[in-house]
C-alpha cells in the first residue's frame, strides 16, 4: 500500500488574516510542528470568506446579534504526534489563547500519509 495510517493528528482552524502569525507562534511554543527532518511545518491558504450569525447570548468579536457577518479568513493546517496531552495544549494554549473568536472552528482528524523515506 503506498500510504499508511500514522499516529498523528491533523488540525485545521480558520482565522482572520491578522491573527495567523500569533496563532502559529502560539502553537510552535507548545509543539515544534515536526515532520520528518523539518520543523514549523504548516499550511496557510489564501484569503477566503468566513461567515456566521452571532446568536443571542454570544460574545461576538465581530458582527451584530442575529445579522450575517462575512469577513476575510485564512485556513491554517498542521500535524502533531498523536498525544492527547499535547493536543490539549496545542488547542488551548496555541489556538484558543490566540484566536479572536469566542468559538473558533477547529477540526481534528487522524492522518494517512504518503511520504518518501
Protein backbone atom coordinates (compact mmCIF):
# COMPACT_ATOMS: atom_id res chain seq x y z
CA UNK A 1 0.00 0.00 0.00
CA UNK A 2 1.50 3.41 -0.95
CA UNK A 3 0.06 5.11 2.13
CA UNK A 4 -0.49 4.22 5.75
CA UNK A 5 -2.30 5.44 8.83
CA UNK A 6 0.12 7.14 11.21
CA UNK A 7 -0.04 8.19 14.84
CA UNK A 8 -0.63 11.87 14.10
CA UNK A 9 -3.43 14.38 14.30
CA UNK A 10 -4.17 16.91 11.56
CA UNK A 11 -5.50 20.17 12.96
CA UNK A 12 -7.30 22.80 10.91
CA UNK A 13 -8.60 26.19 12.01
CA UNK A 14 -9.97 29.26 10.25
CA UNK A 15 -8.76 32.68 11.36
CA UNK A 16 -8.79 36.32 10.25
CA UNK A 17 -5.53 37.05 8.36
CA UNK A 18 -4.16 39.41 11.02
CA UNK A 19 -4.12 36.54 13.58
CA UNK A 20 -2.31 33.90 11.50
CA UNK A 21 1.18 34.64 12.85
CA UNK A 22 0.14 34.86 16.50
CA UNK A 23 -1.64 31.51 16.27
CA UNK A 24 1.28 29.81 14.52
CA UNK A 25 3.73 31.28 17.06
CA UNK A 26 1.48 30.13 19.92
CA UNK A 27 1.31 26.60 18.50
CA UNK A 28 5.08 26.41 17.94
CA UNK A 29 5.68 27.43 21.59
CA UNK A 30 3.79 24.26 22.57
CA UNK A 31 4.89 21.95 19.73
CA UNK A 32 7.65 22.44 17.11
CA UNK A 33 5.43 21.06 14.29
CA UNK A 34 7.97 18.46 13.21
CA UNK A 35 7.55 16.43 10.04
CA UNK A 36 10.46 14.23 9.10
CA UNK A 37 13.56 16.43 9.09
CA UNK A 38 11.59 19.70 9.08
CA UNK A 39 10.13 21.92 11.81
CA UNK A 40 7.42 24.61 11.80
CA UNK A 41 5.60 22.68 9.06
CA UNK A 42 2.19 24.28 8.44
CA UNK A 43 -0.11 25.28 5.61
CA UNK A 44 -1.87 28.62 5.10
CA UNK A 45 -4.47 29.18 2.43
CA UNK A 46 -5.09 32.34 0.50
CA UNK A 47 -7.75 34.59 1.99
CA UNK A 48 -11.31 33.39 1.67
CA UNK A 49 -14.60 34.44 3.22
CA UNK A 50 -15.89 33.12 6.53
CA UNK A 51 -19.47 33.77 7.59
CA UNK A 52 -21.59 33.41 10.72
CA UNK A 53 -24.56 34.88 12.56
CA UNK A 54 -23.91 35.75 16.22
CA UNK A 55 -26.89 34.49 18.21
CA UNK A 56 -28.46 35.99 21.32
CA UNK A 57 -26.14 35.48 24.30
CA UNK A 58 -22.97 35.24 22.21
CA UNK A 59 -19.98 37.47 22.84
CA UNK A 60 -19.03 38.04 19.20
CA UNK A 61 -15.74 39.77 18.45
CA UNK A 62 -17.15 40.92 15.09
CA UNK A 63 -20.67 41.19 13.73
CA UNK A 64 -24.02 42.01 15.28
CA UNK A 65 -26.54 39.76 17.03
CA UNK A 66 -28.83 37.99 14.53
CA UNK A 67 -27.11 39.55 11.49
CA UNK A 68 -24.96 37.71 8.96
CA UNK A 69 -21.28 38.62 9.23
CA UNK A 70 -18.84 37.92 6.39
CA UNK A 71 -15.12 38.56 6.76
CA UNK A 72 -11.75 37.55 5.40
CA UNK A 73 -10.38 34.28 6.72
CA UNK A 74 -7.32 32.06 6.26
CA UNK A 75 -7.21 28.29 6.73
CA UNK A 76 -4.28 27.05 8.82
CA UNK A 77 -3.34 23.34 8.89
CA UNK A 78 -0.62 21.39 10.65
CA UNK A 79 0.12 17.94 12.08
CA UNK A 80 1.27 16.83 15.51
CA UNK A 81 2.10 13.46 17.05
CA UNK A 82 -0.98 11.64 18.32
CA UNK A 83 -0.75 12.50 22.01
CA UNK A 84 -3.88 13.78 23.75
CA UNK A 85 -1.97 15.85 26.32
CA UNK A 86 -0.05 17.65 23.58
CA UNK A 87 -3.25 18.02 21.56
CA UNK A 88 -4.99 19.69 24.51
CA UNK A 89 -2.08 22.14 24.98
CA UNK A 90 -1.94 22.95 21.26
CA UNK A 91 -5.69 23.64 21.20
CA UNK A 92 -5.87 25.62 24.47
CA UNK A 93 -2.51 27.44 24.55
CA UNK A 94 -1.69 27.60 20.86
CA UNK A 95 -5.05 28.26 19.21
CA UNK A 96 -7.75 29.29 21.73
CA UNK A 97 -5.48 31.70 23.61
CA UNK A 98 -4.54 33.49 20.36
CA UNK A 99 -7.75 33.23 18.34
CA UNK A 100 -10.15 36.21 18.28
CA UNK A 101 -13.38 34.20 18.01
CA UNK A 102 -15.37 33.09 21.04
CA UNK A 103 -15.91 29.67 19.42
CA UNK A 104 -13.32 29.12 16.68
CA UNK A 105 -13.77 26.31 14.18
CA UNK A 106 -11.13 23.67 14.97
CA UNK A 107 -11.13 20.39 13.04
CA UNK A 108 -9.06 17.47 14.31
CA UNK A 109 -8.61 14.30 12.26
CA UNK A 110 -6.38 11.25 12.09
CA UNK A 111 -3.71 11.18 9.39
CA UNK A 112 -2.99 8.91 6.46
CA UNK A 113 0.22 9.87 4.75
CA UNK A 114 2.39 9.18 1.79
CA UNK A 115 5.96 10.13 2.49
CA UNK A 116 9.21 9.11 0.87
CA UNK A 117 11.58 7.52 3.33
